[in-house]
Amino acid sequence: MSGKLTDVAIRNAKPGPKPCRMFDGGDLYLEISPAGGKLWRLKYRFGGKEKRLSLGAYPEVPLSQAAKDAPKGNRNAWKHGRYSAEAIARRRRLRALLREMQETAKLAAQY
């Protein structure tokens, strides 16, 4: 679909056998899953790779809100790099270390 999305077009969109994307002219799009879920996503590039930022599910996040949040989300993703693969891997490592420390503390408290 070219041009701007409308609320009527979004409501009338039906799921297909594969996920499909309805773009709103820029990097904002609505992804419709085969199960019928509709998610707002924002496409951006970081480190030369395409990344996607989720802005929420339709209809909880209406078109007007997603369009308003898209520039802010894109700016934050570029500025802070918080959605890069490196940042995500770092957060996972920290969470695993925290879990390990908590389990060790539980074992130490038993003795």
C-alpha atoms as a PDB file:
ATOM      1  CA  MET A   1       0.000   0.000   0.000  1.00  0.00           C
ATOM      2  CA  SER A   2       1.424   3.389  -0.930  1.00  0.00           C
ATOM      3  CA  GLY A   3       0.818   6.678   0.849  1.00  0.00           C
ATOM      4  CA  LYS A   4      -0.570   7.147   4.307  1.00  0.00           C
ATOM      5  CA  LEU A   5      -2.446   4.476   6.205  1.00  0.00           C
ATOM      6  CA  THR A   6      -5.994   5.075   7.379  1.00  0.00           C
ATOM      7  CA  ASP A   7      -7.790   3.602  10.336  1.00  0.00           C
ATOM      8  CA  VAL A   8     -10.389   2.069   8.016  1.00  0.00           C
ATOM      9  CA  ALA A   9      -7.706   0.341   5.911  1.00  0.00           C
ATOM     10  CA  ILE A  10      -6.082  -1.052   9.068  1.00  0.00           C
ATOM     11  CA  ARG A  11      -9.371  -2.388  10.459  1.00  0.00           C
ATOM     12  CA  ASN A  12     -10.223  -4.016   7.121  1.00  0.00           C
ATOM     13  CA  ALA A  13      -6.797  -5.648   6.693  1.00  0.00           C
ATOM     14  CA  LYS A  14      -7.028  -9.430   6.837  1.00  0.00           C
ATOM     15  CA  PRO A  15      -4.203 -11.828   7.720  1.00  0.00           C
ATOM     16  CA  GLY A  16      -2.656 -13.918   4.990  1.00  0.00           C
ATOM     17  CA  PRO A  17      -0.531 -17.076   4.943  1.00  0.00           C
ATOM     18  CA  LYS A  18       2.624 -14.956   5.527  1.00  0.00           C
ATOM     19  CA  PRO A  19       3.240 -11.855   7.633  1.00  0.00           C
ATOM     20  CA  CYS A  20       2.518  -8.725   5.610  1.00  0.00           C
ATOM     21  CA  ARG A  21       3.461  -5.086   6.083  1.00  0.00           C
ATOM     22  CA  MET A  22       1.350  -1.995   5.524  1.00  0.00           C
ATOM     23  CA  PHE A  23       3.651   1.040   5.327  1.00  0.00           C
ATOM     24  CA  ASP A  24       2.695   4.562   6.336  1.00  0.00           C
ATOM     25  CA  GLY A  25       4.924   6.297   3.813  1.00  0.00           C
ATOM     26  CA  GLY A  26       8.139   6.275   5.880  1.00  0.00           C
ATOM     27  CA  ASP A  27       9.789   3.717   8.098  1.00  0.00           C
ATOM     28  CA  LEU A  28       6.643   3.145  10.175  1.00  0.00           C
ATOM     29  CA  TYR A  29       4.570   0.120   9.244  1.00  0.00           C
ATOM     30  CA  LEU A  30       1.894  -2.199  10.588  1.00  0.00           C
ATOM     31  CA  GLU A  31       2.885  -5.867  10.517  1.00  0.00           C
ATOM     32  CA  ILE A  32      -0.030  -8.294  10.256  1.00  0.00           C
ATOM     33  CA  SER A  33       0.796 -11.829  11.354  1.00  0.00           C
ATOM     34  CA  PRO A  34      -0.916 -14.944   9.949  1.00  0.00           C
ATOM     35  CA  ALA A  35      -2.593 -15.363  13.371  1.00  0.00           C
ATOM     36  CA  GLY A  36      -4.195 -11.926  12.965  1.00  0.00           C
ATOM     37  CA  GLY A  37      -2.020  -9.861  15.312  1.00  0.00           C
ATOM     38  CA  LYS A  38      -1.302  -6.306  14.201  1.00  0.00           C
ATOM     39  CA  LEU A  39       1.917  -4.751  15.488  1.00  0.00           C
ATOM     40  CA  TRP A  40       3.347  -1.299  14.868  1.00  0.00           C
ATOM     41  CA  ARG A  41       7.004  -1.456  13.912  1.00  0.00           C
ATOM     42  CA  LEU A  42       9.634   1.073  12.974  1.00  0.00           C
ATOM     43  CA  LYS A  43      12.442   0.195  10.579  1.00  0.00           C
ATOM     44  CA  TYR A  44      15.865   1.766  11.078  1.00  0.00           C
ATOM     45  CA  ARG A  45      19.495   1.050  10.353  1.00  0.00           C
ATOM     46  CA  PHE A  46      22.213   0.741  12.969  1.00  0.00           C
ATOM     47  CA  GLY A  47      25.759  -0.302  12.175  1.00  0.00           C
ATOM     48  CA  GLY A  48      24.776  -0.920   8.559  1.00  0.00           C
ATOM     49  CA  LYS A  49      22.126  -3.482   9.518  1.00  0.00           C
ATOM     50  CA  GLU A  50      18.365  -3.175   9.410  1.00  0.00           C
ATOM     51  CA  LYS A  51      16.720  -3.245  12.835  1.00  0.00           C
ATOM     52  CA  ARG A  52      13.095  -3.107  13.916  1.00  0.00           C
ATOM     53  CA  LEU A  53      11.610  -1.339  16.894  1.00  0.00           C
ATOM     54  CA  SER A  54       8.193  -2.360  18.191  1.00  0.00           C
ATOM     55  CA  LEU A  55       5.853   0.493  19.088  1.00  0.00           C
ATOM     56  CA  GLY A  56       2.938  -1.623  20.341  1.00  0.00           C
ATOM     57  CA  ALA A  57      -0.082  -3.535  19.142  1.00  0.00           C
ATOM     58  CA  TYR A  58      -3.038  -2.176  17.208  1.00  0.00           C
ATOM     59  CA  PRO A  59      -5.714  -1.186  18.428  1.00  0.00           C
ATOM     60  CA  GLU A  60      -4.113  -0.531  21.872  1.00  0.00           C
ATOM     61  CA  VAL A  61      -1.746   1.875  20.090  1.00  0.00           C
ATOM     62  CA  PRO A  62      -3.832   3.770  17.516  1.00  0.00           C
ATOM     63  CA  LEU A  63      -2.472   5.059  14.215  1.00  0.00           C
ATOM     64  CA  SER A  64      -2.188   8.635  15.514  1.00  0.00           C
ATOM     65  CA  GLN A  65      -0.099   7.563  18.523  1.00  0.00           C
ATOM     66  CA  ALA A  66       2.172   5.286  16.467  1.00  0.00           C
ATOM     67  CA  ALA A  67       2.796   8.081  13.958  1.00  0.00           C
ATOM     68  CA  LYS A  68       3.613  10.474  16.801  1.00  0.00           C
ATOM     69  CA  ASP A  69       5.978   7.979  18.524  1.00  0.00           C
ATOM     70  CA  ALA A  70       7.796   6.900  15.352  1.00  0.00           C
ATOM     71  CA  PRO A  71      10.192   9.880  15.029  1.00  0.00           C
ATOM     72  CA  LYS A  72      11.003   9.750  18.742  1.00  0.00           C
ATOM     73  CA  GLY A  73      11.686   6.008  18.594  1.00  0.00           C
ATOM     74  CA  ASN A  74      13.887   6.376  15.550  1.00  0.00           C
ATOM     75  CA  ARG A  75      15.867   9.202  17.115  1.00  0.00           C
ATOM     76  CA  ASN A  76      16.393   7.268  20.358  1.00  0.00           C
ATOM     77  CA  ALA A  77      17.443   4.111  18.533  1.00  0.00           C
ATOM     78  CA  TRP A  78      20.087   6.021  16.610  1.00  0.00           C
ATOM     79  CA  LYS A  79      21.234   8.202  19.483  1.00  0.00           C
ATOM     80  CA  HIS A  80      21.673   5.565  22.145  1.00  0.00           C
ATOM     81  CA  GLY A  81      22.139   2.389  20.132  1.00  0.00           C
ATOM     82  CA  ARG A  82      20.044   0.573  22.692  1.00  0.00           C
ATOM     83  CA  TYR A  83      18.552  -1.783  20.118  1.00  0.00           C
ATOM     84  CA  SER A  84      21.850  -2.834  18.588  1.00  0.00           C
ATOM     85  CA  ALA A  85      22.840  -6.495  18.757  1.00  0.00           C
ATOM     86  CA  GLU A  86      25.760  -5.614  21.017  1.00  0.00           C
ATOM     87  CA  ALA A  87      23.572  -3.767  23.519  1.00  0.00           C
ATOM     88  CA  ILE A  88      21.032  -6.601  23.623  1.00  0.00           C
ATOM     89  CA  ALA A  89      23.782  -9.205  24.130  1.00  0.00           C
ATOM     90  CA  ARG A  90      25.292  -7.094  26.917  1.00  0.00           C
ATOM     91  CA  ARG A  91      21.924  -6.869  28.712  1.00  0.00           C
ATOM     92  CA  ARG A  92      21.467 -10.649  28.415  1.00  0.00           C
ATOM     93  CA  ARG A  93      24.918 -11.290  29.886  1.00  0.00           C
ATOM     94  CA  LEU A  94      24.191  -8.932  32.780  1.00  0.00           C
ATOM     95  CA  ARG A  95      20.850 -10.614  33.496  1.00  0.00           C
ATOM     96  CA  ALA A  96      22.519 -14.055  33.491  1.00  0.00           C
ATOM     97  CA  LEU A  97      25.217 -12.796  35.868  1.00  0.00           C
ATOM     98  CA  LEU A  98      22.578 -11.322  38.179  1.00  0.00           C
ATOM     99  CA  ARG A  99      20.660 -14.641  38.235  1.00  0.00           C
ATOM    100  CA  GLU A 100      23.858 -16.513  39.046  1.00  0.00           C
ATOM    101  CA  MET A 101      24.659 -14.124  41.886  1.00  0.00           C
ATOM    102  CA  GLN A 102      21.146 -14.473  43.309  1.00  0.00           C
ATOM    103  CA  GLU A 103      21.345 -18.270  43.217  1.00  0.00           C
ATOM    104  CA  THR A 104      24.741 -18.193  44.932  1.00  0.00           C
ATOM    105  CA  ALA A 105      23.341 -15.906  47.635  1.00  0.00           C
ATOM    106  CA  LYS A 106      20.435 -18.327  48.217  1.00  0.00           C
ATOM    107  CA  LEU A 107      22.826 -21.267  48.562  1.00  0.00           C
ATOM    108  CA  ALA A 108      25.069 -19.306  50.923  1.00  0.00           C
ATOM    109  CA  ALA A 109      22.070 -18.380  53.094  1.00  0.00           C
ATOM    110  CA  GLN A 110      21.209 -22.078  53.509  1.00  0.00           C
ATOM    111  CA  TYR A 111      24.566 -22.890  55.160  1.00  0.00           C
END
